[in-house]
Amino acid sequence: MITTDISKAKVVLENNGLIALPTETVYGLAGNAFSDIAIQKTFDLKNRPFYNPLIVHIKDIASVFEVATEIPDSALLLAENFGLDP
């Protein structure tokens, strides 16, 4: 079912489900990056091998430390130069 109701999408994501969302060129598949169940569903649905990583979108540079452990200094420098203070 196609819907534009954000509250329904929020419930699906909170319950380890996946949603499709439009981007500027294609539809994307989204799930909770902190949910092992949603991550597994994403790999299964896309028939994607685990060695092929997924993209995680974050709201700000401070959030990168919640999803990554090894962040190159050059990446932080780029973020800083684009006005994204860590």
Protein backbone atom coordinates (compact mmCIF):
# COMPACT_ATOMS: atom_id res chain seq x y z
CA MET A 1 0.00 0.00 0.00
CA ILE A 2 1.34 3.44 -0.92
CA THR A 3 0.88 6.10 1.72
CA THR A 4 2.42 9.43 2.58
CA ASP A 5 1.46 9.23 6.26
CA ILE A 6 4.67 9.84 8.21
CA SER A 7 3.16 8.48 11.43
CA LYS A 8 2.55 5.11 9.74
CA ALA A 9 6.14 5.00 8.49
CA LYS A 10 7.37 5.81 12.01
CA VAL A 11 5.41 2.88 13.46
CA VAL A 12 6.78 0.51 10.81
CA LEU A 13 10.37 1.62 11.50
CA GLU A 14 9.90 1.37 15.28
CA ASN A 15 8.71 -2.22 14.81
CA ASN A 16 11.75 -3.34 12.82
CA GLY A 17 10.00 -3.00 9.48
CA LEU A 18 11.19 -1.48 6.24
CA ILE A 19 9.72 1.36 4.20
CA ALA A 20 10.19 2.61 0.66
CA LEU A 21 10.78 6.31 0.22
CA PRO A 22 11.33 8.51 -2.80
CA THR A 23 14.67 10.17 -3.39
CA GLU A 24 15.57 12.64 -6.12
CA THR A 25 15.98 9.85 -8.69
CA VAL A 26 14.79 6.47 -7.37
CA TYR A 27 12.96 4.91 -4.45
CA GLY A 28 15.07 3.90 -1.49
CA LEU A 29 14.60 1.19 1.10
CA ALA A 30 14.86 2.39 4.70
CA GLY A 31 15.01 0.70 8.06
CA ASN A 32 16.30 1.34 11.57
CA ALA A 33 20.11 1.11 11.45
CA PHE A 34 20.10 0.18 15.16
CA SER A 35 17.82 -2.83 14.63
CA ASP A 36 19.49 -6.15 13.85
CA ILE A 37 16.11 -7.40 12.61
CA ALA A 38 15.65 -4.51 10.17
CA ILE A 39 19.23 -4.86 8.95
CA GLN A 40 18.72 -8.59 8.33
CA LYS A 41 15.45 -7.87 6.49
CA THR A 42 17.24 -5.35 4.28
CA PHE A 43 19.98 -7.78 3.32
CA ASP A 44 17.42 -10.55 2.71
CA LEU A 45 15.05 -8.41 0.64
CA LYS A 46 17.85 -7.04 -1.52
CA ASN A 47 19.54 -10.46 -1.72
CA ARG A 48 22.67 -8.59 -0.70
CA PRO A 49 25.76 -10.34 0.69
CA PHE A 50 26.87 -9.19 4.16
CA TYR A 51 30.28 -8.12 2.90
CA ASN A 52 28.52 -5.42 0.83
CA PRO A 53 27.75 -2.71 3.42
CA LEU A 54 24.64 -0.59 3.71
CA ILE A 55 24.52 3.21 3.73
CA VAL A 56 23.49 4.89 6.98
CA HIS A 57 22.12 8.42 6.84
CA ILE A 58 22.58 10.56 9.93
CA LYS A 59 21.04 13.86 11.02
CA ASP A 60 24.26 15.67 11.96
CA ILE A 61 28.00 15.14 12.32
CA ALA A 62 27.72 14.40 16.05
CA SER A 63 25.58 11.37 15.19
CA VAL A 64 28.41 9.77 13.23
CA PHE A 65 29.92 8.62 16.51
CA GLU A 66 26.76 6.57 17.18
CA VAL A 67 27.19 4.52 14.00
CA ALA A 68 30.94 4.43 13.33
CA THR A 69 33.99 3.55 15.36
CA GLU A 70 36.83 4.35 13.00
CA ILE A 71 36.45 7.81 11.51
CA PRO A 72 39.46 9.09 9.57
CA ASP A 73 40.72 12.51 10.58
CA SER A 74 40.36 13.53 6.93
CA ALA A 75 36.61 12.81 7.08
CA LEU A 76 36.22 14.97 10.17
CA LEU A 77 38.27 17.70 8.52
CA LEU A 78 35.98 17.60 5.47
CA ALA A 79 32.92 17.81 7.71
CA GLU A 80 34.40 20.77 9.53
CA ASN A 81 35.21 22.54 6.27
CA PHE A 82 31.61 22.07 5.15
CA GLY A 83 30.40 23.66 8.37
CA LEU A 84 29.49 20.44 10.13
CA ASP A 85 31.19 20.77 13.52
CA PRO A 86 31.89 17.40 15.19
